[in-house]
Amino acid sequence: MHIAPYDNQNKAIVDADDPTVPLNYFNIVKLKKDEVFEYQVPGYETCIAPATGSVDVDVEGVQFPRLGNRGEDVWDGEPEGVYVPVGAKVRLVCVSDHTEVFIAGARYDKVLDPFDVREHDLVQYGSDDTKTHRKIKHILGQKQHDKVGRLLVSELFTVGQGGWSGFPSHKHDTNRLPDETRHDETYNFRFKPNWGTGLQMLQREDNEPGDAYHIVDGSTICIDKGYHPCCVLPGYEMYYFTILGGLSQRSLVQYFQPTHAYQIETIPGIKDMIAKFK
């Protein structure tokens, strides 16, 4: 499902118990200097990740000062995040001129401890030749595995201009270990320059026609089932904020589309990428 960009007025874009991706939660919060935003999401652990600007974060009295270091856009600096336990009360205060904050969530039933992430885990794979060149910056990734319940949060960047992400095509909509896990997934896209656009494919069955969505700067995509590669037009760079919420475990097991799975052997670094979502 494609949600076109709109002024959400700091209200959840993908709320708890969403009919398409019930394991996910997603909000975008925009504040000006000294403005305050408070939230609490029962039944979901969350991650606060500023897209731009900086915020002071209070999680049930635990302080995380000046989270976020970016200026103009998501290409201008490195990601940071704060993990928020299930149902915790959170207070954000904007300490820069303005801020845009992503709040990602996954359904979970245990209360863990809050912590911050000031260094990301970088994976780069693909190549210009294969048109699949990209960087992945994990905010809640493999390094935080024992501190998080079901939530995986990453930022994905195309390298160069134009090309494909999420290829070879894969899905993760059915719990059938060891071959596949059920993970709902939500994306928010940005483009550089911001008038760039792309395409999100969603193919329900191998070798059967699927759906395609025209994505623009600020588009949100909710993926419940099916194979889901995406691409950006030549001459533009693409970013997408990625939320994965697992049904029965945090580690992601992707099932690659049988028709294209052989290309795992042709794309440099893709096996390392797969391993980093564990």
C-alpha atoms as a PDB file:
ATOM      1  CA  MET A   1       0.000   0.000   0.000  1.00  0.00           C
ATOM      2  CA  HIS A   2       1.223   3.484  -0.910  1.00  0.00           C
ATOM      3  CA  ILE A   3       0.538   6.454   1.390  1.00  0.00           C
ATOM      4  CA  ALA A   4       1.234   9.688  -0.468  1.00  0.00           C
ATOM      5  CA  PRO A   5       3.018  12.416   1.512  1.00  0.00           C
ATOM      6  CA  TYR A   6       0.716  14.673   3.526  1.00  0.00           C
ATOM      7  CA  ASP A   7       0.769  16.895   6.616  1.00  0.00           C
ATOM      8  CA  ASN A   8       0.161  14.293   9.318  1.00  0.00           C
ATOM      9  CA  GLN A   9       0.266  16.973  12.064  1.00  0.00           C
ATOM     10  CA  ASN A  10       2.490  14.729  14.216  1.00  0.00           C
ATOM     11  CA  LYS A  11      -0.108  11.954  14.267  1.00  0.00           C
ATOM     12  CA  ALA A  12       0.838   8.368  13.420  1.00  0.00           C
ATOM     13  CA  ILE A  13       0.986   7.572   9.698  1.00  0.00           C
ATOM     14  CA  VAL A  14       0.935   3.846  10.493  1.00  0.00           C
ATOM     15  CA  ASP A  15      -0.834   3.486  13.825  1.00  0.00           C
ATOM     16  CA  ALA A  16      -0.970   0.557  16.215  1.00  0.00           C
ATOM     17  CA  ASP A  17      -2.940  -2.403  14.823  1.00  0.00           C
ATOM     18  CA  ASP A  18      -2.777  -1.089  11.274  1.00  0.00           C
ATOM     19  CA  PRO A  19      -4.811  -3.436   9.032  1.00  0.00           C
ATOM     20  CA  THR A  20      -2.014  -3.781   6.443  1.00  0.00           C
ATOM     21  CA  VAL A  21       1.074  -3.977   8.686  1.00  0.00           C
ATOM     22  CA  PRO A  22      -0.177  -4.675  12.244  1.00  0.00           C
ATOM     23  CA  LEU A  23       3.362  -5.457  13.459  1.00  0.00           C
ATOM     24  CA  ASN A  24       4.591  -1.919  12.578  1.00  0.00           C
ATOM     25  CA  TYR A  25       4.165   1.616  13.894  1.00  0.00           C
ATOM     26  CA  PHE A  26       5.367   4.788  12.141  1.00  0.00           C
ATOM     27  CA  ASN A  27       5.115   8.495  12.850  1.00  0.00           C
ATOM     28  CA  ILE A  28       6.825  11.622  11.548  1.00  0.00           C
ATOM     29  CA  VAL A  29       7.104  14.461  14.064  1.00  0.00           C
ATOM     30  CA  LYS A  30       8.057  17.984  13.004  1.00  0.00           C
ATOM     31  CA  LEU A  31       8.977  20.572  15.653  1.00  0.00           C
ATOM     32  CA  LYS A  32      10.464  24.056  15.881  1.00  0.00           C
ATOM     33  CA  LYS A  33      12.971  25.145  18.524  1.00  0.00           C
ATOM     34  CA  ASP A  34      11.733  24.561  22.103  1.00  0.00           C
ATOM     35  CA  GLU A  35       8.538  22.840  20.942  1.00  0.00           C
ATOM     36  CA  VAL A  36       7.627  19.650  22.802  1.00  0.00           C
ATOM     37  CA  PHE A  37       6.096  16.372  21.657  1.00  0.00           C
ATOM     38  CA  GLU A  38       5.014  13.577  23.990  1.00  0.00           C
ATOM     39  CA  TYR A  39       3.923  10.080  23.086  1.00  0.00           C
ATOM     40  CA  GLN A  40       3.239   6.591  24.418  1.00  0.00           C
ATOM     41  CA  VAL A  41       2.459   3.486  22.321  1.00  0.00           C
ATOM     42  CA  PRO A  42       1.081   0.574  24.379  1.00  0.00           C
ATOM     43  CA  GLY A  43       2.053  -2.824  23.004  1.00  0.00           C
ATOM     44  CA  TYR A  44       4.860  -1.500  20.781  1.00  0.00           C
ATOM     45  CA  GLU A  45       8.571  -0.898  21.316  1.00  0.00           C
ATOM     46  CA  THR A  46       9.742   2.157  19.378  1.00  0.00           C
ATOM     47  CA  CYS A  47      12.872   3.867  18.077  1.00  0.00           C
ATOM     48  CA  ILE A  48      13.344   7.633  17.808  1.00  0.00           C
ATOM     49  CA  ALA A  49      15.551   8.573  14.839  1.00  0.00           C
ATOM     50  CA  PRO A  50      15.864  12.236  13.789  1.00  0.00           C
ATOM     51  CA  ALA A  51      15.871  12.715  10.015  1.00  0.00           C
ATOM     52  CA  THR A  52      17.115  16.293  10.505  1.00  0.00           C
ATOM     53  CA  GLY A  53      17.804  18.501  13.496  1.00  0.00           C
ATOM     54  CA  SER A  54      18.287  17.567  17.155  1.00  0.00           C
ATOM     55  CA  VAL A  55      16.043  16.702  20.107  1.00  0.00           C
ATOM     56  CA  ASP A  56      16.477  16.104  23.808  1.00  0.00           C
ATOM     57  CA  VAL A  57      14.795  12.805  24.689  1.00  0.00           C
ATOM     58  CA  ASP A  58      13.307  11.774  28.050  1.00  0.00           C
ATOM     59  CA  VAL A  59      12.156   8.144  28.402  1.00  0.00           C
ATOM     60  CA  GLU A  60      10.462   7.660  31.778  1.00  0.00           C
ATOM     61  CA  GLY A  61      13.056   9.958  33.370  1.00  0.00           C
ATOM     62  CA  VAL A  62      16.085   8.577  31.505  1.00  0.00           C
ATOM     63  CA  GLN A  63      17.746  11.426  29.608  1.00  0.00           C
ATOM     64  CA  PHE A  64      19.319  11.288  26.135  1.00  0.00           C
ATOM     65  CA  PRO A  65      20.473  14.816  25.260  1.00  0.00           C
ATOM     66  CA  ARG A  66      20.848  16.239  21.781  1.00  0.00           C
ATOM     67  CA  LEU A  67      19.927  13.241  19.659  1.00  0.00           C
ATOM     68  CA  GLY A  68      20.507  13.862  15.947  1.00  0.00           C
ATOM     69  CA  ASN A  69      23.252  15.736  14.103  1.00  0.00           C
ATOM     70  CA  ARG A  70      21.929  16.335  10.609  1.00  0.00           C
ATOM     71  CA  GLY A  71      21.414  19.645   8.876  1.00  0.00           C
ATOM     72  CA  GLU A  72      19.618  20.054   5.582  1.00  0.00           C
ATOM     73  CA  ASP A  73      18.520  16.487   4.807  1.00  0.00           C
ATOM     74  CA  VAL A  74      19.156  12.775   5.486  1.00  0.00           C
ATOM     75  CA  TRP A  75      22.361  12.910   3.407  1.00  0.00           C
ATOM     76  CA  ASP A  76      23.793  15.616   5.692  1.00  0.00           C
ATOM     77  CA  GLY A  77      25.226  13.625   8.617  1.00  0.00           C
ATOM     78  CA  GLU A  78      24.912  10.218  10.226  1.00  0.00           C
ATOM     79  CA  PRO A  79      21.894   8.493  11.837  1.00  0.00           C
ATOM     80  CA  GLU A  80      21.328   8.303  15.584  1.00  0.00           C
ATOM     81  CA  GLY A  81      18.556   6.706  17.591  1.00  0.00           C
ATOM     82  CA  VAL A  82      17.019   5.999  20.985  1.00  0.00           C
ATOM     83  CA  TYR A  83      15.331   2.695  21.792  1.00  0.00           C
ATOM     84  CA  VAL A  84      12.065   3.126  23.731  1.00  0.00           C
ATOM     85  CA  PRO A  85      10.613   0.179  25.692  1.00  0.00           C
ATOM     86  CA  VAL A  86       7.055  -1.016  25.150  1.00  0.00           C
ATOM     87  CA  GLY A  87       4.479   1.497  26.354  1.00  0.00           C
ATOM     88  CA  ALA A  88       7.024   3.937  27.837  1.00  0.00           C
ATOM     89  CA  LYS A  89       6.190   7.635  28.181  1.00  0.00           C
ATOM     90  CA  VAL A  90       8.441   9.779  25.981  1.00  0.00           C
ATOM     91  CA  ARG A  91       9.082  13.515  25.849  1.00  0.00           C
ATOM     92  CA  LEU A  92      10.911  15.165  22.927  1.00  0.00           C
ATOM     93  CA  VAL A  93      12.148  18.763  22.995  1.00  0.00           C
ATOM     94  CA  CYS A  94      13.506  20.368  19.836  1.00  0.00           C
ATOM     95  CA  VAL A  95      16.931  21.924  20.553  1.00  0.00           C
ATOM     96  CA  SER A  96      17.782  22.946  16.985  1.00  0.00           C
ATOM     97  CA  ASP A  97      16.000  25.542  14.849  1.00  0.00           C
ATOM     98  CA  HIS A  98      13.692  22.780  13.626  1.00  0.00           C
ATOM     99  CA  THR A  99      13.622  19.000  13.479  1.00  0.00           C
ATOM    100  CA  GLU A 100      11.939  16.164  11.655  1.00  0.00           C
ATOM    101  CA  VAL A 101      11.890  12.935  13.655  1.00  0.00           C
ATOM    102  CA  PHE A 102      11.030   9.415  12.542  1.00  0.00           C
ATOM    103  CA  ILE A 103       9.410   7.180  15.173  1.00  0.00           C
ATOM    104  CA  ALA A 104       9.517   3.493  14.234  1.00  0.00           C
ATOM    105  CA  GLY A 105       7.811   0.707  16.142  1.00  0.00           C
ATOM    106  CA  ALA A 106       7.180  -3.018  16.325  1.00  0.00           C
ATOM    107  CA  ARG A 107       4.651  -4.983  18.327  1.00  0.00           C
ATOM    108  CA  TYR A 108       6.180  -6.650  21.385  1.00  0.00           C
ATOM    109  CA  ASP A 109       5.027  -7.828  24.817  1.00  0.00           C
ATOM    110  CA  LYS A 110       8.040  -7.421  27.128  1.00  0.00           C
ATOM    111  CA  VAL A 111       9.518  -4.272  28.653  1.00  0.00           C
ATOM    112  CA  LEU A 112      13.272  -3.842  28.119  1.00  0.00           C
ATOM    113  CA  ASP A 113      15.654  -0.974  28.959  1.00  0.00           C
ATOM    114  CA  PRO A 114      16.043   2.258  26.954  1.00  0.00           C
ATOM    115  CA  PHE A 115      19.385   3.049  25.313  1.00  0.00           C
ATOM    116  CA  ASP A 116      20.814   5.322  22.655  1.00  0.00           C
ATOM    117  CA  VAL A 117      22.698   4.545  19.433  1.00  0.00           C
ATOM    118  CA  ARG A 118      25.305   7.093  18.371  1.00  0.00           C
ATOM    119  CA  GLU A 119      27.250   4.920  15.930  1.00  0.00           C
ATOM    120  CA  HIS A 120      25.715   3.063  13.000  1.00  0.00           C
ATOM    121  CA  ASP A 121      26.674  -0.282  11.508  1.00  0.00           C
ATOM    122  CA  LEU A 122      27.438   0.273   7.815  1.00  0.00           C
ATOM    123  CA  VAL A 123      26.994  -2.317   5.076  1.00  0.00           C
ATOM    124  CA  GLN A 124      27.715  -1.531   1.440  1.00  0.00           C
ATOM    125  CA  TYR A 125      26.972  -3.988  -1.339  1.00  0.00           C
ATOM    126  CA  GLY A 126      26.178  -4.344  -5.008  1.00  0.00           C
ATOM    127  CA  SER A 127      27.931  -2.559  -7.848  1.00  0.00           C
ATOM    128  CA  ASP A 128      27.365   0.036 -10.535  1.00  0.00           C
ATOM    129  CA  ASP A 129      27.555  -2.745 -13.124  1.00  0.00           C
ATOM    130  CA  THR A 130      24.676  -4.694 -11.551  1.00  0.00           C
ATOM    131  CA  LYS A 131      22.623  -1.479 -10.938  1.00  0.00           C
ATOM    132  CA  THR A 132      22.148  -2.560  -7.301  1.00  0.00           C
ATOM    133  CA  HIS A 133      24.747  -0.416  -5.526  1.00  0.00           C
ATOM    134  CA  ARG A 134      23.647   0.775  -2.077  1.00  0.00           C
ATOM    135  CA  LYS A 135      24.631   1.485   1.518  1.00  0.00           C
ATOM    136  CA  ILE A 136      22.693   0.310   4.564  1.00  0.00           C
ATOM    137  CA  LYS A 137      23.131   2.148   7.862  1.00  0.00           C
ATOM    138  CA  HIS A 138      21.664   0.068  10.693  1.00  0.00           C
ATOM    139  CA  ILE A 139      20.296   2.029  13.657  1.00  0.00           C
ATOM    140  CA  LEU A 140      18.793  -0.958  15.472  1.00  0.00           C
ATOM    141  CA  GLY A 141      20.679  -3.789  13.810  1.00  0.00           C
ATOM    142  CA  GLN A 142      22.741  -6.838  14.654  1.00  0.00           C
ATOM    143  CA  LYS A 143      24.792  -5.071  17.341  1.00  0.00           C
ATOM    144  CA  GLN A 144      21.652  -4.402  19.420  1.00  0.00           C
ATOM    145  CA  HIS A 145      20.178  -7.884  19.019  1.00  0.00           C
ATOM    146  CA  ASP A 146      20.105  -8.806  22.726  1.00  0.00           C
ATOM    147  CA  LYS A 147      18.667  -5.406  23.750  1.00  0.00           C
ATOM    148  CA  VAL A 148      15.625  -5.249  21.420  1.00  0.00           C
ATOM    149  CA  GLY A 149      12.530  -7.422  21.078  1.00  0.00           C
ATOM    150  CA  ARG A 150      11.247  -7.558  17.486  1.00  0.00           C
ATOM    151  CA  LEU A 151      12.261  -4.234  15.909  1.00  0.00           C
ATOM    152  CA  LEU A 152      14.835  -3.664  13.144  1.00  0.00           C
ATOM    153  CA  VAL A 153      15.481  -0.076  11.969  1.00  0.00           C
ATOM    154  CA  SER A 154      17.784   0.908   9.101  1.00  0.00           C
ATOM    155  CA  GLU A 155      18.467   3.619   6.555  1.00  0.00           C
ATOM    156  CA  LEU A 156      19.115   2.608   2.947  1.00  0.00           C
ATOM    157  CA  PHE A 157      20.856   4.808   0.369  1.00  0.00           C
ATOM    158  CA  THR A 158      21.371   4.253  -3.324  1.00  0.00           C
ATOM    159  CA  VAL A 159      25.016   4.711  -4.305  1.00  0.00           C
ATOM    160  CA  GLY A 160      25.485   6.736  -7.458  1.00  0.00           C
ATOM    161  CA  GLN A 161      22.402   7.831  -9.372  1.00  0.00           C
ATOM    162  CA  GLY A 162      19.699   5.450 -10.478  1.00  0.00           C
ATOM    163  CA  GLY A 163      19.427   1.722  -9.833  1.00  0.00           C
ATOM    164  CA  TRP A 164      17.581  -0.967  -7.894  1.00  0.00           C
ATOM    165  CA  SER A 165      17.229  -1.868  -4.228  1.00  0.00           C
ATOM    166  CA  GLY A 166      15.743  -4.981  -2.677  1.00  0.00           C
ATOM    167  CA  PHE A 167      16.983  -7.144  -5.507  1.00  0.00           C
ATOM    168  CA  PRO A 168      17.093 -10.100  -5.987  1.00  0.00           C
ATOM    169  CA  SER A 169      13.396  -9.876  -5.162  1.00  0.00           C
ATOM    170  CA  HIS A 170      12.496 -11.393  -1.807  1.00  0.00           C
ATOM    171  CA  LYS A 171       9.614 -11.677   0.620  1.00  0.00           C
ATOM    172  CA  HIS A 172       9.130 -12.302   4.345  1.00  0.00           C
ATOM    173  CA  ASP A 173       5.383 -12.675   4.855  1.00  0.00           C
ATOM    174  CA  THR A 174       5.043 -16.253   6.162  1.00  0.00           C
ATOM    175  CA  ASN A 175       6.392 -17.850   9.339  1.00  0.00           C
ATOM    176  CA  ARG A 176       7.935 -21.111   8.118  1.00  0.00           C
ATOM    177  CA  LEU A 177      11.337 -21.459   9.700  1.00  0.00           C
ATOM    178  CA  PRO A 178      14.047 -22.121   8.712  1.00  0.00           C
ATOM    179  CA  ASP A 179      13.114 -20.857   5.220  1.00  0.00           C
ATOM    180  CA  GLU A 180      11.276 -17.607   6.001  1.00  0.00           C
ATOM    181  CA  THR A 181       9.999 -15.377   8.809  1.00  0.00           C
ATOM    182  CA  ARG A 182       6.954 -13.115   8.987  1.00  0.00           C
ATOM    183  CA  HIS A 183       8.181  -9.527   9.182  1.00  0.00           C
ATOM    184  CA  ASP A 184       5.900  -6.609   8.323  1.00  0.00           C
ATOM    185  CA  GLU A 185       7.809  -3.767   6.667  1.00  0.00           C
ATOM    186  CA  THR A 186       7.273  -0.020   6.295  1.00  0.00           C
ATOM    187  CA  TYR A 187       9.361   2.444   4.248  1.00  0.00           C
ATOM    188  CA  ASN A 188       9.543   6.224   4.009  1.00  0.00           C
ATOM    189  CA  PHE A 189      11.302   7.520   0.894  1.00  0.00           C
ATOM    190  CA  ARG A 190      13.366  10.638   0.191  1.00  0.00           C
ATOM    191  CA  PHE A 191      15.014  11.748  -3.047  1.00  0.00           C
ATOM    192  CA  LYS A 192      17.954  14.000  -3.917  1.00  0.00           C
ATOM    193  CA  PRO A 193      17.117  16.385  -5.515  1.00  0.00           C
ATOM    194  CA  ASN A 194      13.695  16.151  -3.866  1.00  0.00           C
ATOM    195  CA  TRP A 195      11.796  16.246  -7.162  1.00  0.00           C
ATOM    196  CA  GLY A 196      13.249  12.827  -8.014  1.00  0.00           C
ATOM    197  CA  THR A 197      10.925   9.835  -8.109  1.00  0.00           C
ATOM    198  CA  GLY A 198      11.014   6.061  -8.208  1.00  0.00           C
ATOM    199  CA  LEU A 199       8.993   2.893  -8.331  1.00  0.00           C
ATOM    200  CA  GLN A 200       7.987   0.325  -5.712  1.00  0.00           C
ATOM    201  CA  MET A 201       7.053  -3.082  -7.090  1.00  0.00           C
ATOM    202  CA  LEU A 202       4.967  -5.627  -5.203  1.00  0.00           C
ATOM    203  CA  GLN A 203       4.660  -9.020  -6.845  1.00  0.00           C
ATOM    204  CA  ARG A 204       2.392 -11.380  -4.937  1.00  0.00           C
ATOM    205  CA  GLU A 205       3.419 -14.576  -6.724  1.00  0.00           C
ATOM    206  CA  ASP A 206       6.502 -15.636  -8.651  1.00  0.00           C
ATOM    207  CA  ASN A 207       6.074 -15.074 -12.413  1.00  0.00           C
ATOM    208  CA  GLU A 208       2.626 -13.504 -11.991  1.00  0.00           C
ATOM    209  CA  PRO A 209       1.887  -9.816 -12.693  1.00  0.00           C
ATOM    210  CA  GLY A 210       1.937  -7.646  -9.586  1.00  0.00           C
ATOM    211  CA  ASP A 211       1.427  -4.031  -8.543  1.00  0.00           C
ATOM    212  CA  ALA A 212       3.621  -0.960  -8.922  1.00  0.00           C
ATOM    213  CA  TYR A 213       3.490   2.342  -7.001  1.00  0.00           C
ATOM    214  CA  HIS A 214       4.912   5.671  -8.113  1.00  0.00           C
ATOM    215  CA  ILE A 215       6.905   6.914  -5.113  1.00  0.00           C
ATOM    216  CA  VAL A 216       7.885  10.537  -4.501  1.00  0.00           C
ATOM    217  CA  ASP A 217       9.734  12.448  -1.791  1.00  0.00           C
ATOM    218  CA  GLY A 218       7.918  11.603   1.456  1.00  0.00           C
ATOM    219  CA  SER A 219       6.051   8.530   0.178  1.00  0.00           C
ATOM    220  CA  THR A 220       5.315   5.792   2.729  1.00  0.00           C
ATOM    221  CA  ILE A 221       5.015   2.169   1.605  1.00  0.00           C
ATOM    222  CA  CYS A 222       3.486  -0.592   3.748  1.00  0.00           C
ATOM    223  CA  ILE A 223       4.391  -4.129   2.704  1.00  0.00           C
ATOM    224  CA  ASP A 224       2.264  -6.964   4.016  1.00  0.00           C
ATOM    225  CA  LYS A 225       3.100  -9.725   1.538  1.00  0.00           C
ATOM    226  CA  GLY A 226       4.899 -10.397  -1.726  1.00  0.00           C
ATOM    227  CA  TYR A 227       8.244  -9.752  -3.424  1.00  0.00           C
ATOM    228  CA  HIS A 228       9.128  -6.056  -3.244  1.00  0.00           C
ATOM    229  CA  PRO A 229      12.095  -4.541  -5.128  1.00  0.00           C
ATOM    230  CA  CYS A 230      12.204  -0.775  -5.748  1.00  0.00           C
ATOM    231  CA  CYS A 231      14.128   1.587  -8.022  1.00  0.00           C
ATOM    232  CA  VAL A 232      15.024   5.234  -8.546  1.00  0.00           C
ATOM    233  CA  LEU A 233      15.111   7.127 -11.833  1.00  0.00           C
ATOM    234  CA  PRO A 234      18.509   7.817 -13.440  1.00  0.00           C
ATOM    235  CA  GLY A 235      20.025  11.098 -12.277  1.00  0.00           C
ATOM    236  CA  TYR A 236      18.577  10.950  -8.728  1.00  0.00           C
ATOM    237  CA  GLU A 237      19.629   9.512  -5.398  1.00  0.00           C
ATOM    238  CA  MET A 238      17.161   7.620  -3.202  1.00  0.00           C
ATOM    239  CA  TYR A 239      16.915   7.046   0.560  1.00  0.00           C
ATOM    240  CA  TYR A 240      14.433   5.038   2.504  1.00  0.00           C
ATOM    241  CA  PHE A 241      13.880   4.708   6.248  1.00  0.00           C
ATOM    242  CA  THR A 242      13.096   1.057   6.924  1.00  0.00           C
ATOM    243  CA  ILE A 243      11.044  -0.504   9.722  1.00  0.00           C
ATOM    244  CA  LEU A 244      10.829  -4.276  10.168  1.00  0.00           C
ATOM    245  CA  GLY A 245       8.716  -5.917  12.873  1.00  0.00           C
ATOM    246  CA  GLY A 246       8.925  -9.666  13.390  1.00  0.00           C
ATOM    247  CA  LEU A 247       6.018 -11.863  14.422  1.00  0.00           C
ATOM    248  CA  SER A 248       7.911 -14.570  16.309  1.00  0.00           C
ATOM    249  CA  GLN A 249      11.550 -13.434  16.303  1.00  0.00           C
ATOM    250  CA  ARG A 250      13.720 -10.420  15.560  1.00  0.00           C
ATOM    251  CA  SER A 251      16.112 -12.050  13.065  1.00  0.00           C
ATOM    252  CA  LEU A 252      14.905 -11.690   9.496  1.00  0.00           C
ATOM    253  CA  VAL A 253      14.903 -14.693   7.166  1.00  0.00           C
ATOM    254  CA  GLN A 254      14.235 -13.560   3.607  1.00  0.00           C
ATOM    255  CA  TYR A 255      12.839 -15.917   0.976  1.00  0.00           C
ATOM    256  CA  PHE A 256      14.275 -15.005  -2.407  1.00  0.00           C
ATOM    257  CA  GLN A 257      12.033 -15.207  -5.463  1.00  0.00           C
ATOM    258  CA  PRO A 258      12.864 -18.521  -7.161  1.00  0.00           C
ATOM    259  CA  THR A 259      13.085 -16.984 -10.638  1.00  0.00           C
ATOM    260  CA  HIS A 260      15.761 -14.486  -9.572  1.00  0.00           C
ATOM    261  CA  ALA A 261      17.421 -16.174  -6.577  1.00  0.00           C
ATOM    262  CA  TYR A 262      20.489 -17.241  -8.596  1.00  0.00           C
ATOM    263  CA  GLN A 263      21.527 -13.582  -8.749  1.00  0.00           C
ATOM    264  CA  ILE A 264      22.528 -13.767  -5.082  1.00  0.00           C
ATOM    265  CA  GLU A 265      25.729 -15.215  -6.522  1.00  0.00           C
ATOM    266  CA  THR A 266      26.226 -12.339  -8.998  1.00  0.00           C
ATOM    267  CA  ILE A 267      25.801  -9.250  -6.796  1.00  0.00           C
ATOM    268  CA  PRO A 268      28.935  -8.382  -4.774  1.00  0.00           C
ATOM    269  CA  GLY A 269      28.456  -8.251  -0.998  1.00  0.00           C
ATOM    270  CA  ILE A 270      24.818  -9.320  -0.879  1.00  0.00           C
ATOM    271  CA  LYS A 271      25.489 -12.298   1.395  1.00  0.00           C
ATOM    272  CA  ASP A 272      27.020  -9.972   3.974  1.00  0.00           C
ATOM    273  CA  MET A 273      23.954  -7.742   3.694  1.00  0.00           C
ATOM    274  CA  ILE A 274      21.666 -10.701   4.372  1.00  0.00           C
ATOM    275  CA  ALA A 275      23.700 -11.700   7.425  1.00  0.00           C
ATOM    276  CA  LYS A 276      23.466  -8.189   8.934  1.00  0.00           C
ATOM    277  CA  PHE A 277      19.668  -8.451   9.289  1.00  0.00           C
ATOM    278  CA  LYS A 278      20.021 -11.282  11.804  1.00  0.00           C
END
